[in-house]
Amino acid sequence: MKINTVLFDLDGVLIDTSRIWTELHQKTAEELGLRVPPYKEISDLWGESWDYIIETLWPDADLEKFKKTLREIKRREKILLPPIKGVENVLKKLERMGYKLGMVSGCPRMYVIKDTKEAGIDPKLFEVIVSAEDTKNHKPHPEPVLHACKLLKVKPENAIYVGDSIFDYKSAKNANVEFVAVLTGDVREKEFRENGVKNIIDSVAELPKFLKLNLN
């Protein structure tokens, strides 16, 4: 198996957002007078599309009003989204090693670009970015990952997908793409193992070495 392409999820993989986003959703629900779910109920849904998460947790909420309110709270409280340590260097190193780079996220494109830039990551490092608007189906369906492979003109068996959730894993598995889990989200190693995940690293900082030793 020759890996020539690395696809990344965004939140929890390239940007350290799990706790921040979960707490922002709780604050938004409280401000809008909606039920405030416990932390795990929200974090268990990371990996799904943003629309799906909101519609699942708050089926009677106005979707666009919820999104707008969350962003207003983030701006009002001056909450910044930090990058995972070392991520920019990792992306540039993988690029020098000859890998094609892509991003597959369940968030709307405008937020993917905005959040990536806010974290100090250059979106131009990715040859393709697949966001919520680009496919009919979303993770755990394979379509987003397969769409990225198609745009990059690579075979699924020559790509890996790096994610932090079980939904990321299922999407990759359903697409016949090798999966590498990182532990910078809310899913612990034990849960990944219980779901059949073999490739697990602490963070993307370990990815170049892992690829060299294990997947090529």
N, C-alpha and C. Protein backbone atom coordinates (compact mmCIF):
# COMPACT_ATOMS: atom_id res chain seq x y z
N MET A 1 0.84 -1.19 0.00
CA MET A 1 0.00 0.00 0.00
C MET A 1 0.88 1.25 0.00
N LYS A 2 0.73 2.07 -1.00
CA LYS A 2 1.51 3.30 -1.12
C LYS A 2 0.61 4.48 -0.81
N ILE A 3 0.87 5.15 0.30
CA ILE A 3 0.08 6.31 0.69
C ILE A 3 0.70 7.56 0.07
N ASN A 4 -0.09 8.29 -0.72
CA ASN A 4 0.43 9.53 -1.30
C ASN A 4 -0.44 10.75 -0.96
N THR A 5 -1.50 10.50 -0.17
CA THR A 5 -2.46 11.58 0.13
C THR A 5 -2.87 11.52 1.60
N VAL A 6 -2.88 12.69 2.24
CA VAL A 6 -3.33 12.77 3.64
C VAL A 6 -4.50 13.74 3.72
N LEU A 7 -5.63 13.23 4.18
CA LEU A 7 -6.82 14.04 4.39
C LEU A 7 -7.01 14.27 5.88
N PHE A 8 -7.42 15.46 6.25
CA PHE A 8 -7.59 15.82 7.66
C PHE A 8 -9.00 16.28 7.95
N ASP A 9 -9.53 15.87 9.10
CA ASP A 9 -10.66 16.57 9.70
C ASP A 9 -10.09 17.87 10.27
N LEU A 10 -10.95 18.83 10.58
CA LEU A 10 -10.47 20.11 11.10
C LEU A 10 -10.52 20.19 12.63
N ASP A 11 -11.73 20.24 13.18
CA ASP A 11 -11.90 20.44 14.62
C ASP A 11 -11.39 19.24 15.41
N GLY A 12 -10.52 19.52 16.38
CA GLY A 12 -9.98 18.46 17.21
C GLY A 12 -8.78 17.77 16.60
N VAL A 13 -8.48 18.08 15.35
CA VAL A 13 -7.35 17.45 14.65
C VAL A 13 -6.29 18.49 14.31
N LEU A 14 -6.71 19.55 13.61
CA LEU A 14 -5.80 20.64 13.27
C LEU A 14 -5.97 21.82 14.24
N ILE A 15 -7.18 21.96 14.76
CA ILE A 15 -7.49 23.06 15.68
C ILE A 15 -8.00 22.46 16.99
N ASP A 16 -7.54 22.99 18.10
CA ASP A 16 -7.89 22.45 19.41
C ASP A 16 -9.23 23.04 19.85
N THR A 17 -10.32 22.43 19.38
CA THR A 17 -11.64 23.04 19.54
C THR A 17 -12.64 22.27 20.38
N SER A 18 -12.37 21.04 20.72
CA SER A 18 -13.40 20.19 21.33
C SER A 18 -14.06 20.84 22.55
N ARG A 19 -13.26 21.24 23.53
CA ARG A 19 -13.82 21.84 24.74
C ARG A 19 -14.48 23.18 24.43
N ILE A 20 -13.80 23.99 23.62
CA ILE A 20 -14.31 25.32 23.29
C ILE A 20 -15.67 25.24 22.60
N TRP A 21 -15.76 24.39 21.57
CA TRP A 21 -17.01 24.28 20.81
C TRP A 21 -18.14 23.71 21.66
N THR A 22 -17.82 22.72 22.48
CA THR A 22 -18.86 22.13 23.33
C THR A 22 -19.42 23.17 24.29
N GLU A 23 -18.55 23.92 24.94
CA GLU A 23 -19.00 24.94 25.88
C GLU A 23 -19.73 26.07 25.17
N LEU A 24 -19.32 26.42 23.95
CA LEU A 24 -20.03 27.45 23.18
C LEU A 24 -21.45 27.01 22.85
N HIS A 25 -21.63 25.73 22.54
CA HIS A 25 -22.97 25.23 22.25
C HIS A 25 -23.84 25.26 23.51
N GLN A 26 -23.25 24.95 24.65
CA GLN A 26 -24.01 25.03 25.90
C GLN A 26 -24.41 26.47 26.20
N LYS A 27 -23.48 27.42 26.02
CA LYS A 27 -23.78 28.83 26.27
C LYS A 27 -24.85 29.35 25.31
N THR A 28 -24.78 28.91 24.06
CA THR A 28 -25.77 29.33 23.07
C THR A 28 -27.16 28.83 23.44
N ALA A 29 -27.24 27.57 23.82
CA ALA A 29 -28.52 27.00 24.23
C ALA A 29 -29.10 27.76 25.41
N GLU A 30 -28.25 28.07 26.38
CA GLU A 30 -28.71 28.80 27.56
C GLU A 30 -29.21 30.19 27.18
N GLU A 31 -28.48 30.88 26.31
CA GLU A 31 -28.87 32.23 25.91
C GLU A 31 -30.18 32.23 25.14
N LEU A 32 -30.44 31.17 24.38
CA LEU A 32 -31.66 31.08 23.59
C LEU A 32 -32.82 30.44 24.35
N GLY A 33 -32.58 30.10 25.61
CA GLY A 33 -33.63 29.50 26.42
C GLY A 33 -33.93 28.05 26.04
N LEU A 34 -32.94 27.36 25.51
CA LEU A 34 -33.10 25.97 25.11
C LEU A 34 -32.51 25.05 26.18
N ARG A 35 -32.82 23.78 26.07
CA ARG A 35 -32.23 22.78 26.97
C ARG A 35 -30.70 22.82 26.84
N VAL A 36 -30.02 22.75 27.96
CA VAL A 36 -28.56 22.72 27.95
C VAL A 36 -28.09 21.29 28.19
N PRO A 37 -27.66 20.60 27.14
CA PRO A 37 -27.24 19.20 27.29
C PRO A 37 -25.92 19.09 28.05
N PRO A 38 -25.69 17.96 28.70
CA PRO A 38 -24.39 17.76 29.35
C PRO A 38 -23.28 17.68 28.29
N TYR A 39 -22.06 17.90 28.75
CA TYR A 39 -20.90 17.97 27.86
C TYR A 39 -20.83 16.77 26.91
N LYS A 40 -20.93 15.56 27.45
CA LYS A 40 -20.72 14.35 26.64
C LYS A 40 -21.79 14.18 25.58
N GLU A 41 -23.01 14.60 25.88
CA GLU A 41 -24.08 14.46 24.89
C GLU A 41 -23.75 15.27 23.63
N ILE A 42 -23.12 16.42 23.83
CA ILE A 42 -22.72 17.24 22.68
C ILE A 42 -21.47 16.67 22.03
N SER A 43 -20.45 16.39 22.84
CA SER A 43 -19.16 15.96 22.28
C SER A 43 -19.25 14.62 21.56
N ASP A 44 -20.20 13.79 21.93
CA ASP A 44 -20.37 12.49 21.25
C ASP A 44 -20.79 12.67 19.78
N LEU A 45 -21.27 13.85 19.44
CA LEU A 45 -21.74 14.08 18.07
C LEU A 45 -20.69 14.73 17.18
N TRP A 46 -19.53 15.12 17.77
CA TRP A 46 -18.50 15.72 16.93
C TRP A 46 -18.07 14.74 15.86
N GLY A 47 -17.96 15.24 14.64
CA GLY A 47 -17.67 14.40 13.47
C GLY A 47 -18.84 14.42 12.51
N GLU A 48 -20.05 14.63 13.05
CA GLU A 48 -21.23 14.82 12.21
C GLU A 48 -21.22 16.25 11.66
N SER A 49 -22.08 16.53 10.68
CA SER A 49 -22.18 17.89 10.18
C SER A 49 -22.76 18.80 11.25
N TRP A 50 -22.43 20.08 11.17
CA TRP A 50 -22.88 21.04 12.19
C TRP A 50 -24.41 21.13 12.19
N ASP A 51 -25.01 21.16 11.02
CA ASP A 51 -26.48 21.21 10.95
C ASP A 51 -27.09 20.02 11.66
N TYR A 52 -26.53 18.84 11.42
CA TYR A 52 -27.06 17.61 12.04
C TYR A 52 -26.97 17.69 13.56
N ILE A 53 -25.84 18.19 14.06
CA ILE A 53 -25.64 18.27 15.51
C ILE A 53 -26.70 19.18 16.14
N ILE A 54 -26.88 20.35 15.55
CA ILE A 54 -27.86 21.30 16.10
C ILE A 54 -29.28 20.73 16.00
N GLU A 55 -29.61 20.17 14.84
CA GLU A 55 -30.96 19.63 14.65
C GLU A 55 -31.23 18.43 15.54
N THR A 56 -30.20 17.67 15.88
CA THR A 56 -30.37 16.51 16.76
C THR A 56 -30.56 16.93 18.21
N LEU A 57 -29.76 17.89 18.66
CA LEU A 57 -29.82 18.31 20.06
C LEU A 57 -30.96 19.28 20.34
N TRP A 58 -31.28 20.12 19.34
CA TRP A 58 -32.32 21.13 19.52
C TRP A 58 -33.24 21.13 18.29
N PRO A 59 -34.06 20.09 18.15
CA PRO A 59 -34.88 19.94 16.93
C PRO A 59 -35.86 21.08 16.67
N ASP A 60 -36.22 21.83 17.70
CA ASP A 60 -37.19 22.92 17.52
C ASP A 60 -36.51 24.29 17.37
N ALA A 61 -35.18 24.30 17.40
CA ALA A 61 -34.47 25.58 17.33
C ALA A 61 -34.39 26.08 15.89
N ASP A 62 -34.29 27.39 15.73
CA ASP A 62 -34.04 28.00 14.44
C ASP A 62 -32.56 27.80 14.13
N LEU A 63 -32.28 27.02 13.10
CA LEU A 63 -30.91 26.61 12.80
C LEU A 63 -29.98 27.81 12.59
N GLU A 64 -30.39 28.74 11.74
CA GLU A 64 -29.52 29.87 11.42
C GLU A 64 -29.38 30.82 12.62
N LYS A 65 -30.44 30.96 13.40
CA LYS A 65 -30.36 31.81 14.59
C LYS A 65 -29.40 31.21 15.60
N PHE A 66 -29.41 29.88 15.74
CA PHE A 66 -28.50 29.22 16.67
C PHE A 66 -27.06 29.47 16.25
N LYS A 67 -26.77 29.28 14.95
CA LYS A 67 -25.40 29.49 14.45
C LYS A 67 -24.96 30.93 14.67
N LYS A 68 -25.85 31.86 14.32
CA LYS A 68 -25.51 33.28 14.45
C LYS A 68 -25.26 33.65 15.90
N THR A 69 -26.09 33.14 16.81
CA THR A 69 -25.92 33.43 18.23
C THR A 69 -24.61 32.87 18.75
N LEU A 70 -24.28 31.64 18.36
CA LEU A 70 -23.02 31.03 18.80
C LEU A 70 -21.83 31.88 18.37
N ARG A 71 -21.85 32.33 17.12
CA ARG A 71 -20.74 33.14 16.61
C ARG A 71 -20.69 34.50 17.33
N GLU A 72 -21.85 35.04 17.66
CA GLU A 72 -21.89 36.31 18.39
C GLU A 72 -21.28 36.16 19.79
N ILE A 73 -21.60 35.05 20.44
CA ILE A 73 -21.03 34.79 21.77
C ILE A 73 -19.52 34.63 21.67
N LYS A 74 -19.07 33.90 20.67
CA LYS A 74 -17.64 33.69 20.46
C LYS A 74 -16.92 35.03 20.26
N ARG A 75 -17.52 35.89 19.45
CA ARG A 75 -16.92 37.20 19.18
C ARG A 75 -16.99 38.09 20.42
N ARG A 76 -18.12 38.09 21.10
CA ARG A 76 -18.32 38.93 22.28
C ARG A 76 -17.35 38.57 23.40
N GLU A 77 -17.12 37.28 23.58
CA GLU A 77 -16.23 36.82 24.64
C GLU A 77 -14.78 36.70 24.17
N LYS A 78 -14.55 37.10 22.92
CA LYS A 78 -13.20 37.10 22.34
C LYS A 78 -12.52 35.73 22.47
N ILE A 79 -13.28 34.70 22.11
CA ILE A 79 -12.78 33.33 22.17
C ILE A 79 -12.04 33.00 20.88
N LEU A 80 -10.79 32.62 21.00
CA LEU A 80 -9.98 32.27 19.84
C LEU A 80 -9.80 30.75 19.76
N LEU A 81 -9.64 30.25 18.54
CA LEU A 81 -9.47 28.82 18.31
C LEU A 81 -7.98 28.54 18.09
N PRO A 82 -7.32 27.90 19.04
CA PRO A 82 -5.88 27.66 18.92
C PRO A 82 -5.58 26.46 18.03
N PRO A 83 -4.45 26.48 17.33
CA PRO A 83 -4.05 25.31 16.54
C PRO A 83 -3.54 24.21 17.45
N ILE A 84 -3.61 22.98 17.00
CA ILE A 84 -2.92 21.89 17.69
C ILE A 84 -1.41 22.18 17.59
N LYS A 85 -0.70 21.97 18.66
CA LYS A 85 0.73 22.30 18.71
C LYS A 85 1.50 21.63 17.57
N GLY A 86 2.23 22.45 16.82
CA GLY A 86 3.09 21.93 15.77
C GLY A 86 2.42 21.67 14.44
N VAL A 87 1.14 22.00 14.30
CA VAL A 87 0.40 21.58 13.12
C VAL A 87 0.92 22.22 11.83
N GLU A 88 1.27 23.50 11.88
CA GLU A 88 1.73 24.17 10.66
C GLU A 88 3.02 23.53 10.15
N ASN A 89 3.94 23.22 11.07
CA ASN A 89 5.19 22.57 10.67
C ASN A 89 4.94 21.19 10.10
N VAL A 90 4.00 20.46 10.68
CA VAL A 90 3.66 19.12 10.19
C VAL A 90 3.13 19.19 8.77
N LEU A 91 2.21 20.11 8.52
CA LEU A 91 1.63 20.23 7.18
C LEU A 91 2.70 20.57 6.15
N LYS A 92 3.59 21.49 6.49
CA LYS A 92 4.65 21.86 5.56
C LYS A 92 5.63 20.71 5.34
N LYS A 93 5.90 19.94 6.39
CA LYS A 93 6.79 18.79 6.27
C LYS A 93 6.19 17.72 5.38
N LEU A 94 4.90 17.44 5.56
CA LEU A 94 4.22 16.45 4.72
C LEU A 94 4.23 16.89 3.26
N GLU A 95 4.05 18.18 3.05
CA GLU A 95 4.08 18.72 1.70
C GLU A 95 5.47 18.51 1.07
N ARG A 96 6.52 18.77 1.85
CA ARG A 96 7.89 18.55 1.36
C ARG A 96 8.16 17.08 1.09
N MET A 97 7.50 16.21 1.85
CA MET A 97 7.68 14.76 1.67
C MET A 97 6.94 14.25 0.44
N GLY A 98 6.15 15.14 -0.19
CA GLY A 98 5.49 14.77 -1.43
C GLY A 98 4.04 14.35 -1.31
N TYR A 99 3.46 14.49 -0.13
CA TYR A 99 2.07 14.11 0.05
C TYR A 99 1.12 15.19 -0.46
N LYS A 100 0.03 14.75 -1.06
CA LYS A 100 -1.06 15.66 -1.36
C LYS A 100 -1.87 15.84 -0.07
N LEU A 101 -2.30 17.07 0.19
CA LEU A 101 -3.02 17.36 1.43
C LEU A 101 -4.43 17.85 1.13
N GLY A 102 -5.39 17.35 1.89
CA GLY A 102 -6.77 17.79 1.76
C GLY A 102 -7.43 17.87 3.12
N MET A 103 -8.54 18.58 3.18
CA MET A 103 -9.31 18.70 4.41
C MET A 103 -10.74 18.28 4.14
N VAL A 104 -11.32 17.52 5.07
CA VAL A 104 -12.72 17.08 4.97
C VAL A 104 -13.41 17.43 6.28
N SER A 105 -14.31 18.41 6.24
CA SER A 105 -14.97 18.88 7.45
C SER A 105 -16.48 18.92 7.25
N GLY A 106 -17.21 18.73 8.33
CA GLY A 106 -18.67 18.81 8.28
C GLY A 106 -19.21 20.20 8.48
N CYS A 107 -18.32 21.20 8.63
CA CYS A 107 -18.75 22.58 8.83
C CYS A 107 -18.91 23.31 7.50
N PRO A 108 -19.71 24.37 7.46
CA PRO A 108 -19.84 25.18 6.25
C PRO A 108 -18.49 25.78 5.86
N ARG A 109 -18.29 25.96 4.56
CA ARG A 109 -16.99 26.39 4.04
C ARG A 109 -16.53 27.72 4.63
N MET A 110 -17.44 28.68 4.75
CA MET A 110 -17.03 29.99 5.24
C MET A 110 -16.43 29.90 6.64
N TYR A 111 -16.96 28.99 7.48
CA TYR A 111 -16.43 28.82 8.82
C TYR A 111 -15.13 28.01 8.81
N VAL A 112 -15.05 27.04 7.91
CA VAL A 112 -13.82 26.25 7.80
C VAL A 112 -12.64 27.17 7.47
N ILE A 113 -12.82 28.02 6.47
CA ILE A 113 -11.76 28.94 6.07
C ILE A 113 -11.46 29.94 7.19
N LYS A 114 -12.50 30.51 7.76
CA LYS A 114 -12.33 31.51 8.83
C LYS A 114 -11.61 30.92 10.03
N ASP A 115 -12.04 29.74 10.48
CA ASP A 115 -11.45 29.13 11.67
C ASP A 115 -10.02 28.68 11.41
N THR A 116 -9.76 28.19 10.20
CA THR A 116 -8.40 27.76 9.85
C THR A 116 -7.44 28.95 9.90
N LYS A 117 -7.87 30.06 9.30
CA LYS A 117 -7.03 31.27 9.31
C LYS A 117 -6.85 31.80 10.74
N GLU A 118 -7.93 31.77 11.52
CA GLU A 118 -7.86 32.28 12.89
C GLU A 118 -6.84 31.51 13.71
N ALA A 119 -6.71 30.21 13.41
CA ALA A 119 -5.76 29.37 14.14
C ALA A 119 -4.33 29.52 13.60
N GLY A 120 -4.17 30.38 12.59
CA GLY A 120 -2.83 30.61 12.04
C GLY A 120 -2.39 29.56 11.05
N ILE A 121 -3.34 28.83 10.48
CA ILE A 121 -3.03 27.80 9.48
C ILE A 121 -3.43 28.32 8.12
N ASP A 122 -2.54 28.25 7.16
CA ASP A 122 -2.80 28.74 5.81
C ASP A 122 -3.67 27.74 5.05
N PRO A 123 -4.92 28.10 4.68
CA PRO A 123 -5.78 27.18 3.94
C PRO A 123 -5.18 26.74 2.60
N LYS A 124 -4.25 27.52 2.07
CA LYS A 124 -3.64 27.18 0.78
C LYS A 124 -2.71 25.97 0.87
N LEU A 125 -2.43 25.52 2.10
CA LEU A 125 -1.64 24.30 2.26
C LEU A 125 -2.42 23.07 1.79
N PHE A 126 -3.74 23.21 1.67
CA PHE A 126 -4.59 22.09 1.27
C PHE A 126 -4.99 22.23 -0.19
N GLU A 127 -4.73 21.19 -0.97
CA GLU A 127 -5.09 21.23 -2.39
C GLU A 127 -6.60 21.22 -2.57
N VAL A 128 -7.31 20.56 -1.67
CA VAL A 128 -8.77 20.58 -1.71
C VAL A 128 -9.30 20.72 -0.29
N ILE A 129 -10.45 21.37 -0.17
CA ILE A 129 -11.17 21.44 1.09
C ILE A 129 -12.62 21.05 0.79
N VAL A 130 -13.05 19.96 1.40
CA VAL A 130 -14.43 19.50 1.26
C VAL A 130 -15.18 19.89 2.53
N SER A 131 -16.23 20.69 2.36
CA SER A 131 -17.02 21.16 3.51
C SER A 131 -18.47 20.71 3.37
N ALA A 132 -19.31 21.17 4.28
CA ALA A 132 -20.68 20.68 4.36
C ALA A 132 -21.47 20.86 3.07
N GLU A 133 -21.21 21.95 2.33
CA GLU A 133 -21.99 22.24 1.13
C GLU A 133 -21.63 21.35 -0.07
N ASP A 134 -20.50 20.65 0.03
CA ASP A 134 -19.94 19.99 -1.15
C ASP A 134 -20.50 18.60 -1.43
N THR A 135 -21.17 18.00 -0.48
CA THR A 135 -21.72 16.66 -0.68
C THR A 135 -23.14 16.58 -0.13
N LYS A 136 -23.91 15.70 -0.72
CA LYS A 136 -25.28 15.49 -0.25
C LYS A 136 -25.26 14.77 1.10
N ASN A 137 -24.40 13.79 1.22
CA ASN A 137 -24.30 12.99 2.45
C ASN A 137 -23.10 13.44 3.26
N HIS A 138 -23.16 13.22 4.58
CA HIS A 138 -22.09 13.65 5.47
C HIS A 138 -21.61 12.48 6.31
N LYS A 139 -20.46 12.68 6.97
CA LYS A 139 -19.91 11.62 7.82
C LYS A 139 -20.97 11.15 8.82
N PRO A 140 -21.08 9.83 9.03
CA PRO A 140 -20.15 8.75 8.69
C PRO A 140 -20.29 8.17 7.28
N HIS A 141 -21.12 8.75 6.43
CA HIS A 141 -21.20 8.31 5.05
C HIS A 141 -19.84 8.51 4.38
N PRO A 142 -19.46 7.66 3.43
CA PRO A 142 -18.15 7.80 2.80
C PRO A 142 -18.04 8.94 1.79
N GLU A 143 -19.17 9.54 1.39
CA GLU A 143 -19.14 10.50 0.29
C GLU A 143 -18.15 11.65 0.48
N PRO A 144 -18.07 12.31 1.65
CA PRO A 144 -17.12 13.42 1.77
C PRO A 144 -15.67 13.00 1.53
N VAL A 145 -15.27 11.87 2.09
CA VAL A 145 -13.90 11.38 1.90
C VAL A 145 -13.66 10.98 0.45
N LEU A 146 -14.63 10.29 -0.14
CA LEU A 146 -14.48 9.88 -1.54
C LEU A 146 -14.46 11.09 -2.47
N HIS A 147 -15.22 12.11 -2.13
CA HIS A 147 -15.24 13.32 -2.96
C HIS A 147 -13.87 14.00 -2.94
N ALA A 148 -13.23 14.03 -1.77
CA ALA A 148 -11.89 14.60 -1.69
C ALA A 148 -10.90 13.81 -2.53
N CYS A 149 -11.00 12.49 -2.48
CA CYS A 149 -10.12 11.64 -3.30
C CYS A 149 -10.35 11.90 -4.78
N LYS A 150 -11.60 12.04 -5.16
CA LYS A 150 -11.93 12.31 -6.57
C LYS A 150 -11.35 13.63 -7.03
N LEU A 151 -11.48 14.67 -6.21
CA LEU A 151 -10.95 15.98 -6.57
C LEU A 151 -9.43 15.95 -6.69
N LEU A 152 -8.79 15.14 -5.85
CA LEU A 152 -7.33 15.04 -5.86
C LEU A 152 -6.83 14.03 -6.88
N LYS A 153 -7.77 13.31 -7.50
CA LYS A 153 -7.45 12.29 -8.51
C LYS A 153 -6.54 11.20 -7.93
N VAL A 154 -6.93 10.71 -6.76
CA VAL A 154 -6.19 9.61 -6.12
C VAL A 154 -7.16 8.48 -5.80
N LYS A 155 -6.64 7.28 -5.75
CA LYS A 155 -7.45 6.13 -5.37
C LYS A 155 -7.61 6.11 -3.85
N PRO A 156 -8.78 5.70 -3.37
CA PRO A 156 -8.99 5.66 -1.92
C PRO A 156 -7.93 4.86 -1.17
N GLU A 157 -7.47 3.78 -1.77
CA GLU A 157 -6.48 2.94 -1.09
C GLU A 157 -5.11 3.60 -0.98
N ASN A 158 -4.94 4.73 -1.65
CA ASN A 158 -3.67 5.47 -1.57
C ASN A 158 -3.76 6.69 -0.66
N ALA A 159 -4.87 6.78 0.10
CA ALA A 159 -5.08 7.93 0.98
C ALA A 159 -5.29 7.48 2.41
N ILE A 160 -5.04 8.39 3.34
CA ILE A 160 -5.43 8.19 4.73
C ILE A 160 -6.28 9.37 5.16
N TYR A 161 -7.11 9.13 6.15
CA TYR A 161 -7.92 10.20 6.73
C TYR A 161 -7.57 10.28 8.20
N VAL A 162 -7.20 11.48 8.67
CA VAL A 162 -6.82 11.69 10.06
C VAL A 162 -7.99 12.36 10.77
N GLY A 163 -8.51 11.71 11.81
CA GLY A 163 -9.68 12.24 12.50
C GLY A 163 -9.63 12.00 13.99
N ASP A 164 -10.59 12.60 14.69
CA ASP A 164 -10.62 12.49 16.15
C ASP A 164 -11.93 11.91 16.66
N SER A 165 -12.76 11.37 15.76
CA SER A 165 -14.07 10.85 16.20
C SER A 165 -14.37 9.51 15.56
N ILE A 166 -15.34 8.81 16.14
CA ILE A 166 -15.78 7.54 15.57
C ILE A 166 -16.47 7.78 14.23
N PHE A 167 -17.12 8.92 14.07
CA PHE A 167 -17.75 9.24 12.79
C PHE A 167 -16.69 9.40 11.69
N ASP A 168 -15.56 10.02 12.04
CA ASP A 168 -14.45 10.13 11.08
C ASP A 168 -13.98 8.73 10.67
N TYR A 169 -13.82 7.88 11.66
CA TYR A 169 -13.36 6.50 11.39
C TYR A 169 -14.33 5.76 10.48
N LYS A 170 -15.62 5.85 10.77
CA LYS A 170 -16.60 5.14 9.95
C LYS A 170 -16.65 5.67 8.52
N SER A 171 -16.49 6.97 8.37
CA SER A 171 -16.48 7.57 7.04
C SER A 171 -15.30 7.04 6.24
N ALA A 172 -14.12 7.01 6.87
CA ALA A 172 -12.92 6.49 6.19
C ALA A 172 -13.07 5.01 5.86
N LYS A 173 -13.54 4.24 6.82
CA LYS A 173 -13.70 2.80 6.62
C LYS A 173 -14.69 2.51 5.50
N ASN A 174 -15.80 3.25 5.47
CA ASN A 174 -16.80 3.06 4.43
C ASN A 174 -16.28 3.47 3.06
N ALA A 175 -15.26 4.33 3.04
CA ALA A 175 -14.67 4.78 1.78
C ALA A 175 -13.47 3.94 1.37
N ASN A 176 -13.12 2.94 2.18
CA ASN A 176 -11.94 2.11 1.93
C ASN A 176 -10.66 2.93 1.99
N VAL A 177 -10.65 3.91 2.91
CA VAL A 177 -9.48 4.76 3.13
C VAL A 177 -8.92 4.43 4.51
N GLU A 178 -7.61 4.29 4.60
CA GLU A 178 -6.96 4.01 5.88
C GLU A 178 -7.21 5.17 6.84
N PHE A 179 -7.45 4.83 8.11
CA PHE A 179 -7.76 5.85 9.11
C PHE A 179 -6.68 5.92 10.17
N VAL A 180 -6.34 7.15 10.56
CA VAL A 180 -5.42 7.39 11.68
C VAL A 180 -6.14 8.27 12.69
N ALA A 181 -6.29 7.77 13.90
CA ALA A 181 -6.97 8.52 14.96
C ALA A 181 -5.97 9.34 15.75
N VAL A 182 -6.39 10.55 16.12
CA VAL A 182 -5.60 11.38 17.04
C VAL A 182 -6.39 11.55 18.33
N LEU A 183 -5.66 11.75 19.43
CA LEU A 183 -6.29 11.82 20.74
C LEU A 183 -6.42 13.25 21.24
N THR A 184 -6.51 14.20 20.31
CA THR A 184 -6.64 15.61 20.67
C THR A 184 -8.10 16.06 20.68
N GLY A 185 -9.02 15.12 20.46
CA GLY A 185 -10.45 15.41 20.58
C GLY A 185 -10.96 14.84 21.89
N ASP A 186 -12.22 14.40 21.89
CA ASP A 186 -12.83 13.89 23.12
C ASP A 186 -12.87 12.37 23.20
N VAL A 187 -12.49 11.68 22.12
CA VAL A 187 -12.53 10.21 22.12
C VAL A 187 -11.19 9.68 22.63
N ARG A 188 -11.26 8.80 23.61
CA ARG A 188 -10.05 8.23 24.20
C ARG A 188 -9.61 6.98 23.43
N GLU A 189 -8.37 6.57 23.67
CA GLU A 189 -7.81 5.43 22.95
C GLU A 189 -8.65 4.17 23.14
N LYS A 190 -9.13 3.93 24.35
CA LYS A 190 -9.92 2.73 24.61
C LYS A 190 -11.14 2.65 23.71
N GLU A 191 -11.84 3.77 23.54
CA GLU A 191 -13.03 3.77 22.69
C GLU A 191 -12.68 3.53 21.24
N PHE A 192 -11.58 4.12 20.78
CA PHE A 192 -11.15 3.84 19.41
C PHE A 192 -10.85 2.36 19.24
N ARG A 193 -10.10 1.78 20.19
CA ARG A 193 -9.76 0.36 20.11
C ARG A 193 -11.01 -0.51 20.09
N GLU A 194 -11.98 -0.18 20.93
CA GLU A 194 -13.21 -0.96 21.01
C GLU A 194 -14.00 -0.92 19.71
N ASN A 195 -13.78 0.13 18.92
CA ASN A 195 -14.47 0.25 17.63
C ASN A 195 -13.63 -0.25 16.46
N GLY A 196 -12.49 -0.85 16.75
CA GLY A 196 -11.69 -1.48 15.70
C GLY A 196 -10.61 -0.62 15.08
N VAL A 197 -10.35 0.56 15.68
CA VAL A 197 -9.31 1.43 15.12
C VAL A 197 -7.93 0.90 15.49
N LYS A 198 -7.07 0.75 14.49
CA LYS A 198 -5.72 0.21 14.70
C LYS A 198 -4.66 1.30 14.84
N ASN A 199 -4.79 2.34 14.02
CA ASN A 199 -3.77 3.38 13.97
C ASN A 199 -4.15 4.54 14.88
N ILE A 200 -3.43 4.71 15.97
CA ILE A 200 -3.75 5.76 16.94
C ILE A 200 -2.48 6.48 17.35
N ILE A 201 -2.50 7.82 17.24
CA ILE A 201 -1.37 8.64 17.67
C ILE A 201 -1.88 9.73 18.60
N ASP A 202 -0.98 10.32 19.36
CA ASP A 202 -1.40 11.35 20.30
C ASP A 202 -1.91 12.60 19.59
N SER A 203 -1.20 13.03 18.55
CA SER A 203 -1.60 14.23 17.81
C SER A 203 -0.96 14.20 16.42
N VAL A 204 -1.34 15.18 15.60
CA VAL A 204 -0.78 15.25 14.24
C VAL A 204 0.72 15.49 14.27
N ALA A 205 1.25 15.97 15.39
CA ALA A 205 2.70 16.18 15.48
C ALA A 205 3.47 14.89 15.23
N GLU A 206 2.84 13.74 15.51
CA GLU A 206 3.50 12.45 15.34
C GLU A 206 3.30 11.86 13.94
N LEU A 207 2.51 12.52 13.11
CA LEU A 207 2.09 11.92 11.85
C LEU A 207 3.22 11.63 10.87
N PRO A 208 4.13 12.56 10.59
CA PRO A 208 5.19 12.24 9.62
C PRO A 208 5.99 10.98 10.00
N LYS A 209 6.37 10.88 11.26
CA LYS A 209 7.12 9.71 11.71
C LYS A 209 6.26 8.45 11.62
N PHE A 210 4.99 8.56 12.00
CA PHE A 210 4.08 7.41 11.94
C PHE A 210 3.93 6.91 10.51
N LEU A 211 3.76 7.83 9.57
CA LEU A 211 3.61 7.45 8.17
C LEU A 211 4.85 6.72 7.66
N LYS A 212 5.99 7.25 8.00
CA LYS A 212 7.24 6.68 7.54
C LYS A 212 7.46 5.28 8.06
N LEU A 213 7.09 5.04 9.33
CA LEU A 213 7.35 3.75 9.97
C LEU A 213 6.26 2.71 9.74
N ASN A 214 5.02 3.17 9.48
CA ASN A 214 3.90 2.23 9.49
C ASN A 214 3.11 2.11 8.20
N LEU A 215 3.01 3.16 7.43
CA LEU A 215 2.07 3.13 6.29
C LEU A 215 2.75 3.30 4.94
N ASN A 216 4.06 3.20 4.88
CA ASN A 216 4.77 3.27 3.59
C ASN A 216 6.00 2.38 3.63
